[in-house]
C-alpha atoms as a PDB file:
ATOM      1  CA  MET A   1       0.000   0.000   0.000  1.00  0.00           C
ATOM      2  CA  SER A   2       1.049   3.576  -0.563  1.00  0.00           C
ATOM      3  CA  ALA A   3       1.767   5.928   2.293  1.00  0.00           C
ATOM      4  CA  VAL A   4      -0.811   8.653   2.934  1.00  0.00           C
ATOM      5  CA  LEU A   5      -0.571  11.813   5.011  1.00  0.00           C
ATOM      6  CA  LEU A   6      -3.799  13.803   5.333  1.00  0.00           C
ATOM      7  CA  ALA A   7      -4.205  17.148   7.092  1.00  0.00           C
ATOM      8  CA  VAL A   8      -7.596  18.758   7.724  1.00  0.00           C
ATOM      9  CA  PHE A   9      -7.862  22.538   7.943  1.00  0.00           C
ATOM     10  CA  ASN A  10     -10.790  24.685   9.041  1.00  0.00           C
ATOM     11  CA  ASP A  11     -10.452  27.171   6.181  1.00  0.00           C
ATOM     12  CA  PHE A  12      -9.555  27.096   2.497  1.00  0.00           C
ATOM     13  CA  GLU A  13      -6.889  29.816   2.583  1.00  0.00           C
ATOM     14  CA  THR A  14      -4.728  28.025   5.159  1.00  0.00           C
ATOM     15  CA  ALA A  15      -5.062  24.716   3.323  1.00  0.00           C
ATOM     16  CA  ASP A  16      -4.204  26.323  -0.004  1.00  0.00           C
ATOM     17  CA  ARG A  17      -1.063  27.927   1.509  1.00  0.00           C
ATOM     18  CA  ALA A  18      -0.032  24.510   2.862  1.00  0.00           C
ATOM     19  CA  ARG A  19      -0.535  22.949  -0.576  1.00  0.00           C
ATOM     20  CA  LEU A  20       1.523  25.702  -2.198  1.00  0.00           C
ATOM     21  CA  ALA A  21       4.307  25.224   0.376  1.00  0.00           C
ATOM     22  CA  LEU A  22       4.443  21.503  -0.502  1.00  0.00           C
ATOM     23  CA  PHE A  23       4.594  22.305  -4.215  1.00  0.00           C
ATOM     24  CA  ARG A  24       7.327  24.917  -3.746  1.00  0.00           C
ATOM     25  CA  ASP A  25       9.310  22.401  -1.730  1.00  0.00           C
ATOM     26  CA  GLY A  26       9.357  20.046  -4.710  1.00  0.00           C
ATOM     27  CA  PHE A  27       6.386  17.711  -4.212  1.00  0.00           C
ATOM     28  CA  PRO A  28       4.858  16.805  -7.595  1.00  0.00           C
ATOM     29  CA  THR A  29       1.315  18.052  -8.093  1.00  0.00           C
ATOM     30  CA  ASP A  30       0.054  14.521  -8.739  1.00  0.00           C
ATOM     31  CA  ARG A  31       0.953  13.567  -5.144  1.00  0.00           C
ATOM     32  CA  ILE A  32      -0.761  16.566  -3.485  1.00  0.00           C
ATOM     33  CA  ALA A  33      -4.565  16.776  -3.454  1.00  0.00           C
ATOM     34  CA  LEU A  34      -6.890  19.401  -2.024  1.00  0.00           C
ATOM     35  CA  THR A  35     -10.426  18.300  -1.182  1.00  0.00           C
ATOM     36  CA  ALA A  36     -13.046  20.947  -0.359  1.00  0.00           C
ATOM     37  CA  ARG A  37     -16.807  21.330  -0.613  1.00  0.00           C
ATOM     38  CA  GLY A  38     -16.457  23.721  -3.564  1.00  0.00           C
ATOM     39  CA  GLY A  39     -13.724  21.649  -5.215  1.00  0.00           C
ATOM     40  CA  PRO A  40     -13.855  17.981  -4.291  1.00  0.00           C
ATOM     41  CA  GLY A  41     -10.706  17.159  -6.273  1.00  0.00           C
ATOM     42  CA  ASP A  42     -10.240  13.425  -6.801  1.00  0.00           C
ATOM     43  CA  ALA A  43     -13.558  12.722  -5.073  1.00  0.00           C
ATOM     44  CA  ALA A  44     -15.288  14.367  -8.048  1.00  0.00           C
ATOM     45  CA  THR A  45     -14.305  11.420 -10.251  1.00  0.00           C
ATOM     46  CA  GLU A  46     -16.730   9.144  -8.423  1.00  0.00           C
ATOM     47  CA  PRO A  47     -19.973   8.419 -10.343  1.00  0.00           C
ATOM     48  CA  THR A  48     -22.777  10.920  -9.840  1.00  0.00           C
ATOM     49  CA  ARG A  49     -23.893  10.337  -6.287  1.00  0.00           C
ATOM     50  CA  PRO A  50     -24.512  12.734  -3.440  1.00  0.00           C
ATOM     51  CA  LEU A  51     -21.363  14.696  -2.508  1.00  0.00           C
ATOM     52  CA  HIS A  52     -21.165  13.021   0.903  1.00  0.00           C
ATOM     53  CA  ASP A  53     -21.044   9.554  -0.679  1.00  0.00           C
ATOM     54  CA  ARG A  54     -18.390  10.593  -3.186  1.00  0.00           C
ATOM     55  CA  LEU A  55     -16.245  12.124  -0.431  1.00  0.00           C
ATOM     56  CA  ALA A  56     -16.698   9.092   1.838  1.00  0.00           C
ATOM     57  CA  GLN A  57     -15.685   6.728  -0.986  1.00  0.00           C
ATOM     58  CA  TYR A  58     -12.567   8.800  -1.672  1.00  0.00           C
ATOM     59  CA  PHE A  59     -11.506   8.808   1.993  1.00  0.00           C
ATOM     60  CA  ARG A  60     -12.377   5.106   2.341  1.00  0.00           C
ATOM     61  CA  THR A  61      -9.967   4.416  -0.532  1.00  0.00           C
ATOM     62  CA  LEU A  62      -7.210   6.363   1.230  1.00  0.00           C
ATOM     63  CA  PHE A  63      -7.779   4.689   4.603  1.00  0.00           C
ATOM     64  CA  SER A  64      -8.715   1.124   3.717  1.00  0.00           C
ATOM     65  CA  HIS A  65      -7.809  -0.379   7.105  1.00  0.00           C
ATOM     66  CA  ALA A  66     -10.351  -1.535   9.700  1.00  0.00           C
ATOM     67  CA  ASP A  67     -11.413   1.925  10.931  1.00  0.00           C
ATOM     68  CA  GLY A  68     -11.241   3.492   7.463  1.00  0.00           C
ATOM     69  CA  ALA A  69     -15.021   3.609   7.088  1.00  0.00           C
ATOM     70  CA  GLN A  70     -15.333   5.540  10.341  1.00  0.00           C
ATOM     71  CA  HIS A  71     -12.728   8.073   9.180  1.00  0.00           C
ATOM     72  CA  ALA A  72     -14.322   8.248   5.732  1.00  0.00           C
ATOM     73  CA  HIS A  73     -17.772   9.367   6.896  1.00  0.00           C
ATOM     74  CA  ARG A  74     -16.407  11.687   9.584  1.00  0.00           C
ATOM     75  CA  LEU A  75     -14.067  13.371   7.085  1.00  0.00           C
ATOM     76  CA  ALA A  76     -16.852  13.625   4.497  1.00  0.00           C
ATOM     77  CA  ASP A  77     -19.040  15.349   7.115  1.00  0.00           C
ATOM     78  CA  ARG A  78     -16.236  17.800   7.931  1.00  0.00           C
ATOM     79  CA  ILE A  79     -15.669  18.647   4.260  1.00  0.00           C
ATOM     80  CA  GLU A  80     -19.392  19.220   3.736  1.00  0.00           C
ATOM     81  CA  ARG A  81     -19.377  21.629   6.716  1.00  0.00           C
ATOM     82  CA  GLY A  82     -16.531  23.685   5.174  1.00  0.00           C
ATOM     83  CA  ALA A  83     -13.282  22.010   6.231  1.00  0.00           C
ATOM     84  CA  VAL A  84     -10.563  21.396   3.650  1.00  0.00           C
ATOM     85  CA  ALA A  85      -8.256  18.376   3.417  1.00  0.00           C
ATOM     86  CA  ILE A  86      -4.766  18.223   1.956  1.00  0.00           C
ATOM     87  CA  THR A  87      -3.664  14.710   1.018  1.00  0.00           C
ATOM     88  CA  VAL A  88       0.012  13.978   0.377  1.00  0.00           C
ATOM     89  CA  LEU A  89       1.343  10.704  -1.001  1.00  0.00           C
ATOM     90  CA  PRO A  90       4.968  10.832   0.200  1.00  0.00           C
ATOM     91  CA  ARG A  91       7.609   8.419  -1.034  1.00  0.00           C
ATOM     92  CA  GLY A  92      10.542   7.729   1.209  1.00  0.00           C
ATOM     93  CA  ASP A  93      11.640   8.956   4.609  1.00  0.00           C
ATOM     94  CA  ILE A  94      12.780  12.359   3.352  1.00  0.00           C
ATOM     95  CA  GLU A  95       9.385  13.176   1.848  1.00  0.00           C
ATOM     96  CA  VAL A  96       7.521  11.900   4.921  1.00  0.00           C
ATOM     97  CA  LYS A  97       9.631  14.096   7.175  1.00  0.00           C
ATOM     98  CA  ARG A  98       9.360  17.138   4.927  1.00  0.00           C
ATOM     99  CA  ALA A  99       5.589  16.810   4.330  1.00  0.00           C
ATOM    100  CA  THR A 100       4.974  16.325   8.056  1.00  0.00           C
ATOM    101  CA  GLU A 101       7.073  19.398   8.821  1.00  0.00           C
ATOM    102  CA  LEU A 102       5.439  21.634   6.191  1.00  0.00           C
ATOM    103  CA  LEU A 103       1.900  20.599   7.114  1.00  0.00           C
ATOM    104  CA  GLY A 104       2.732  21.035  10.801  1.00  0.00           C
ATOM    105  CA  HIS A 105       3.831  24.635  10.169  1.00  0.00           C
ATOM    106  CA  ALA A 106       0.360  25.307   8.747  1.00  0.00           C
ATOM    107  CA  SER A 107      -1.278  24.164  12.030  1.00  0.00           C
ATOM    108  CA  PRO A 108      -3.880  21.700  10.767  1.00  0.00           C
ATOM    109  CA  ASP A 109      -6.875  20.887  12.916  1.00  0.00           C
ATOM    110  CA  GLU A 110      -6.322  17.147  12.432  1.00  0.00           C
ATOM    111  CA  VAL A 111      -3.691  14.881  10.867  1.00  0.00           C
ATOM    112  CA  LEU A 112      -4.229  11.281   9.781  1.00  0.00           C
ATOM    113  CA  ASP A 113      -1.715   8.926   8.212  1.00  0.00           C
ATOM    114  CA  ARG A 114      -1.371   5.439   6.814  1.00  0.00           C
ATOM    115  CA  ASP A 115       1.750   3.328   6.235  1.00  0.00           C
ATOM    116  CA  LEU A 116       4.272   6.113   6.863  1.00  0.00           C
ATOM    117  CA  ASP A 117       6.748   3.692   8.370  1.00  0.00           C
ATOM    118  CA  ASP A 118       6.230   0.912   5.819  1.00  0.00           C
ATOM    119  CA  PRO A 119       9.623   0.130   4.241  1.00  0.00           C
ATOM    120  CA  SER A 120       8.098  -1.486   1.167  1.00  0.00           C
ATOM    121  CA  TRP A 121       7.235   1.707  -0.726  1.00  0.00           C
ATOM    122  CA  GLU A 122       8.506   2.733  -4.082  1.00  0.00           C
ATOM    123  CA  PHE A 123      11.271   5.238  -3.432  1.00  0.00           C
ATOM    124  CA  ALA A 124      11.002   8.230  -5.695  1.00  0.00           C
ATOM    125  CA  ALA A 125      12.777  10.670  -3.405  1.00  0.00           C
ATOM    126  CA  ALA A 126      16.417  11.509  -3.756  1.00  0.00           C
ATOM    127  CA  PRO A 127      18.751  10.295  -1.011  1.00  0.00           C
ATOM    128  CA  ARG A 128      19.273  13.899   0.090  1.00  0.00           C
ATOM    129  CA  SER A 129      16.916  16.600   1.224  1.00  0.00           C
ATOM    130  CA  LEU A 130      17.517  19.086  -1.629  1.00  0.00           C
ATOM    131  CA  PRO A 131      14.378  19.304  -3.830  1.00  0.00           C
ATOM    132  CA  TRP A 132      15.027  17.791  -7.271  1.00  0.00           C
ATOM    133  CA  VAL A 133      14.114  20.974  -9.119  1.00  0.00           C
ATOM    134  CA  ARG A 134      17.001  22.774  -7.448  1.00  0.00           C
ATOM    135  CA  THR A 135      19.394  20.314  -9.094  1.00  0.00           C
ATOM    136  CA  LEU A 136      18.560  21.849 -12.459  1.00  0.00           C
ATOM    137  CA  TRP A 137      17.822  25.376 -11.322  1.00  0.00           C
ATOM    138  CA  VAL A 138      21.124  27.140 -10.873  1.00  0.00           C
ATOM    139  CA  GLU A 139      20.686  30.214  -8.707  1.00  0.00           C
ATOM    140  CA  SER A 140      23.097  33.084  -8.933  1.00  0.00           C
ATOM    141  CA  SER A 141      24.863  33.684  -5.667  1.00  0.00           C
ATOM    142  CA  PRO A 142      28.542  33.834  -4.704  1.00  0.00           C
ATOM    143  CA  ASP A 143      28.623  30.304  -3.269  1.00  0.00           C
ATOM    144  CA  ALA A 144      26.269  28.604  -5.786  1.00  0.00           C
ATOM    145  CA  PRO A 145      27.600  26.338  -8.567  1.00  0.00           C
ATOM    146  CA  HIS A 146      28.250  28.001 -11.905  1.00  0.00           C
ATOM    147  CA  CYS A 147      26.303  25.539 -14.029  1.00  0.00           C
ATOM    148  CA  VAL A 148      24.163  22.418 -14.007  1.00  0.00           C
ATOM    149  CA  TYR A 149      27.253  20.220 -14.476  1.00  0.00           C
ATOM    150  CA  CYS A 150      28.871  21.649 -11.334  1.00  0.00           C
ATOM    151  CA  ARG A 151      25.607  21.125  -9.443  1.00  0.00           C
ATOM    152  CA  LEU A 152      25.306  17.496 -10.558  1.00  0.00           C
ATOM    153  CA  PHE A 153      28.984  16.617 -10.060  1.00  0.00           C
ATOM    154  CA  PRO A 154      30.326  18.691  -7.159  1.00  0.00           C
ATOM    155  CA  GLY A 155      34.102  18.660  -6.872  1.00  0.00           C
ATOM    156  CA  SER A 156      34.705  17.765 -10.510  1.00  0.00           C
ATOM    157  CA  THR A 157      36.257  20.144 -13.011  1.00  0.00           C
ATOM    158  CA  HIS A 158      35.500  20.902 -16.646  1.00  0.00           C
ATOM    159  CA  ASP A 159      36.812  23.361 -19.212  1.00  0.00           C
ATOM    160  CA  THR A 160      33.762  25.383 -20.180  1.00  0.00           C
ATOM    161  CA  HIS A 161      32.111  28.030 -18.013  1.00  0.00           C
END
């Protein structure tokens, strides 16, 4: 099973800032989902049923363990009353730690998780904590590498700069 980290916020603006912080940190958009009454996100792909049923099915899929049904209906009720959920599908210890930290800074009302300590995931994260996009994005500063080659192969030399 895939790891899931879900944070519930009482207002859309706070949840949206948390989602943007995850994106800016390097999390791919296909592993961050926002679920709200006005924008049910992935829950909208369920067949045309009442919103509560679509939301409950979505959350039941995320939390398929024994008490998943209880969480599913409770979370669906909260979303219908105006709460907003951010779901992150982290891969690897670095992403779990970083997602937990970023969501924690946003002060969610509730945090649920599944399989965060399961060592059988697919590892898509780099073995270091630098976001992958920064490997290709060379910033200009006195101590930054001159080019992508220097960023990828620190300590090596080449003739062109």
